[in-house]
Amino acid sequence: MNSDIFKDRRKSFIDYNETYFWTCTIKDWLNLLEPLNYKQLVLNSLRKLVINNFIEVYGFVIMPNHIHLILKILKPNGKEKPNVSFLKDTSHELRKDLRINNPNFLRLFEVTESDRKYRIWQRDPLAINMFDLNILEQKLNYIHHNPLQARWRLAQNTEDYYWSSSRFYKTGVDDFNILTDYRDIF
């Protein structure tokens, strides 16, 4: 009997050429992504994947302790999916900077796992297939309103929060050079 049929699919499972709402959270919900240079680091990693046609990004927000993306994985990045490459790349760059500039904070990310000394992102990010345009628009609205929530209060209006795709959808200007307008695709 094949026991694989009883295994649950991971929350982070992503198929190629499907659109997903993808949430990645910093380990223990620590506010690691507050500094502007760390937000830029996240965008730089996404930009590399977009430029090399590994992903399309339709929406995003970078919050102090998590990110939300609406994206499509187009092709493998070597032997791995680009979303895995993103997590590895950002983890490496964040660790490198913390080691130099904030080693005490880096200690909060130490783990006793057999394959690593530090874990920046929590395991198994959430991936929800956007099989319907209405669901995609609902998630995009959620992403854009995330910085306005009472817990955060990072902006008064969605387009005022710089680290989001909201301004792109209001003005058509992509300050980050990573975005594809979902309305051109769906």
Protein backbone atom coordinates (compact mmCIF):
# COMPACT_ATOMS: atom_id res chain seq x y z
CA MET A 1 0.00 0.00 0.00
CA ASN A 2 1.32 3.46 -0.90
CA SER A 3 1.58 5.52 2.29
CA ASP A 4 2.16 8.75 0.31
CA ILE A 5 -1.58 9.10 -0.30
CA PHE A 6 -2.02 9.72 3.43
CA LYS A 7 0.50 12.56 3.60
CA ASP A 8 -0.95 16.05 3.75
CA ARG A 9 0.31 18.57 1.26
CA ARG A 10 2.39 21.24 2.96
CA LYS A 11 0.83 24.69 3.37
CA SER A 12 3.74 26.03 1.32
CA PHE A 13 3.19 23.79 -1.71
CA ILE A 14 3.30 25.78 -4.95
CA ASP A 15 2.79 24.47 -8.48
CA TYR A 16 4.39 26.09 -11.49
CA ASN A 17 2.29 28.51 -13.56
CA GLU A 18 -0.34 28.90 -10.86
CA THR A 19 -0.94 32.14 -8.95
CA TYR A 20 -0.66 32.11 -5.17
CA PHE A 21 -1.15 34.30 -2.16
CA TRP A 22 2.05 33.52 -0.26
CA THR A 23 2.83 34.59 3.30
CA CYS A 24 6.27 34.27 4.89
CA THR A 25 6.74 35.08 8.55
CA ILE A 26 9.92 35.86 10.45
CA LYS A 27 10.73 33.23 13.09
CA ASP A 28 8.88 33.86 16.35
CA TRP A 29 7.18 36.87 14.75
CA LEU A 30 10.20 39.04 15.53
CA ASN A 31 10.16 42.48 13.88
CA LEU A 32 13.30 41.84 11.85
CA LEU A 33 12.03 43.62 8.72
CA GLU A 34 11.56 47.03 10.36
CA PRO A 35 14.82 48.56 9.05
CA LEU A 36 14.51 50.04 5.58
CA ASN A 37 17.65 48.26 4.36
CA TYR A 38 16.07 44.89 5.24
CA LYS A 39 12.93 45.75 3.32
CA GLN A 40 15.17 46.71 0.38
CA LEU A 41 17.01 43.41 0.74
CA VAL A 42 13.69 41.55 0.34
CA LEU A 43 12.88 43.59 -2.76
CA ASN A 44 16.33 43.00 -4.23
CA SER A 45 15.86 39.25 -3.91
CA LEU A 46 12.44 39.43 -5.57
CA ARG A 47 13.83 41.64 -8.34
CA LYS A 48 16.54 39.09 -9.20
CA LEU A 49 13.88 36.39 -9.57
CA VAL A 50 11.65 38.64 -11.70
CA ILE A 51 14.51 39.77 -13.96
CA ASN A 52 15.48 36.16 -14.60
CA ASN A 53 11.85 35.24 -15.39
CA PHE A 54 11.53 32.80 -12.48
CA ILE A 55 8.48 34.56 -11.00
CA GLU A 56 5.86 37.21 -11.69
CA VAL A 57 4.77 39.39 -8.76
CA TYR A 58 1.24 40.82 -8.86
CA GLY A 59 1.13 42.29 -5.37
CA PHE A 60 3.11 42.51 -2.16
CA VAL A 61 3.52 44.13 1.21
CA ILE A 62 6.55 44.00 3.48
CA MET A 63 5.53 44.26 7.11
CA PRO A 64 7.85 44.41 10.16
CA ASN A 65 7.63 40.65 10.77
CA HIS A 66 6.12 39.10 7.65
CA ILE A 67 5.55 39.55 3.95
CA HIS A 68 2.57 38.82 1.73
CA LEU A 69 2.97 38.23 -1.98
CA ILE A 70 0.69 37.40 -4.85
CA LEU A 71 2.95 35.65 -7.30
CA LYS A 72 3.31 33.05 -9.98
CA ILE A 73 6.25 30.64 -10.09
CA LEU A 74 7.24 30.30 -13.76
CA LYS A 75 10.19 27.90 -13.87
CA PRO A 76 12.81 26.29 -11.63
CA ASN A 77 15.82 28.23 -10.43
CA GLY A 78 18.34 25.47 -10.99
CA LYS A 79 17.07 22.48 -9.03
CA GLU A 80 14.75 24.40 -6.71
CA LYS A 81 11.60 26.44 -6.90
CA PRO A 82 12.18 30.20 -6.90
CA ASN A 83 10.20 30.67 -3.70
CA VAL A 84 12.74 28.43 -1.96
CA SER A 85 15.56 30.43 -3.57
CA PHE A 86 13.98 33.61 -2.21
CA LEU A 87 13.87 32.25 1.34
CA LYS A 88 17.49 31.03 1.14
CA ASP A 89 18.79 34.25 -0.40
CA THR A 90 17.05 36.58 2.06
CA SER A 91 18.02 34.38 5.02
CA HIS A 92 21.64 34.45 3.96
CA GLU A 93 21.71 38.22 3.42
CA LEU A 94 19.86 38.98 6.67
CA ARG A 95 22.15 36.70 8.67
CA LYS A 96 25.22 38.25 7.08
CA ASP A 97 24.11 41.76 8.03
CA LEU A 98 23.02 40.76 11.54
CA ARG A 99 26.34 39.02 12.16
CA ILE A 100 28.15 42.31 11.47
CA ASN A 101 25.69 44.92 12.75
CA ASN A 102 23.58 43.22 15.42
CA PRO A 103 25.01 39.92 16.65
CA ASN A 104 22.90 40.03 19.83
CA PHE A 105 19.72 40.10 17.76
CA LEU A 106 21.04 37.30 15.54
CA ARG A 107 21.19 35.04 18.62
CA LEU A 108 17.38 35.13 18.73
CA PHE A 109 17.39 33.15 15.48
CA GLU A 110 19.60 30.31 16.71
CA VAL A 111 18.09 26.84 16.37
CA THR A 112 19.17 23.32 17.20
CA GLU A 113 18.23 21.84 13.85
CA SER A 114 20.53 19.33 12.20
CA ASP A 115 20.77 21.25 8.92
CA ARG A 116 21.28 24.82 10.19
CA LYS A 117 22.44 27.02 13.02
CA TYR A 118 19.95 29.86 12.37
CA ARG A 119 16.38 30.06 11.11
CA ILE A 120 15.22 33.45 9.84
CA TRP A 121 11.85 32.49 8.33
CA GLN A 122 9.33 30.27 10.06
CA ARG A 123 8.90 26.88 8.43
CA ASP A 124 6.20 26.11 5.91
CA PRO A 125 4.95 29.51 4.66
CA LEU A 126 1.28 29.74 3.75
CA ALA A 127 0.41 29.34 0.05
CA ILE A 128 -3.18 29.73 -1.16
CA ASN A 129 -4.00 29.13 -4.82
CA MET A 130 -5.66 32.13 -6.48
CA PHE A 131 -7.85 30.12 -8.83
CA ASP A 132 -10.48 32.85 -9.05
CA LEU A 133 -10.15 36.55 -9.91
CA ASN A 134 -12.45 37.57 -7.04
CA ILE A 135 -10.26 35.75 -4.52
CA LEU A 136 -7.13 37.34 -5.97
CA GLU A 137 -8.66 40.82 -5.67
CA GLN A 138 -9.81 40.08 -2.12
CA LYS A 139 -6.26 39.03 -1.14
CA LEU A 140 -4.74 42.03 -2.90
CA ASN A 141 -7.08 44.31 -0.96
CA TYR A 142 -6.08 42.52 2.25
CA ILE A 143 -2.38 42.98 1.42
CA HIS A 144 -2.80 46.68 0.73
CA HIS A 145 -4.78 47.29 3.93
CA ASN A 146 -2.40 45.31 6.16
CA PRO A 147 -0.26 48.37 7.09
CA LEU A 148 -3.40 50.29 8.12
CA GLN A 149 -4.55 47.73 10.70
CA ALA A 150 -4.83 48.98 14.27
CA ARG A 151 -1.94 46.76 15.33
CA TRP A 152 0.42 48.42 12.85
CA ARG A 153 -0.81 51.90 11.91
CA LEU A 154 2.06 52.29 9.45
CA ALA A 155 0.11 54.63 7.15
CA GLN A 156 -3.15 56.55 6.84
CA ASN A 157 -3.94 55.37 3.30
CA THR A 158 -2.91 52.23 1.46
CA GLU A 159 -0.93 54.14 -1.16
CA ASP A 160 1.01 56.00 1.56
CA TYR A 161 2.78 52.84 2.71
CA TYR A 162 5.85 52.70 0.48
CA TRP A 163 6.68 48.98 0.93
CA SER A 164 3.61 47.75 -0.90
CA SER A 165 2.17 47.42 -4.38
CA SER A 166 -0.76 49.69 -3.52
CA ARG A 167 0.75 52.83 -5.07
CA PHE A 168 1.42 50.85 -8.26
CA TYR A 169 -2.27 49.98 -8.56
CA LYS A 170 -3.28 53.61 -7.84
CA THR A 171 -0.77 55.35 -10.15
CA GLY A 172 0.67 52.71 -12.49
CA VAL A 173 4.20 53.55 -11.32
CA ASP A 174 6.34 50.61 -10.17
CA ASP A 175 9.02 52.09 -7.91
CA PHE A 176 10.46 48.61 -7.38
CA ASN A 177 10.63 47.20 -10.92
CA ILE A 178 9.13 43.87 -9.85
CA LEU A 179 5.41 44.17 -10.53
CA THR A 180 3.11 42.83 -13.21
CA ASP A 181 -0.45 44.17 -13.25
CA TYR A 182 -2.73 41.18 -12.64
CA ARG A 183 -5.42 42.85 -14.79
CA ASP A 184 -3.18 42.37 -17.82
CA ILE A 185 -2.98 38.62 -17.14
CA PHE A 186 -6.33 37.49 -15.72
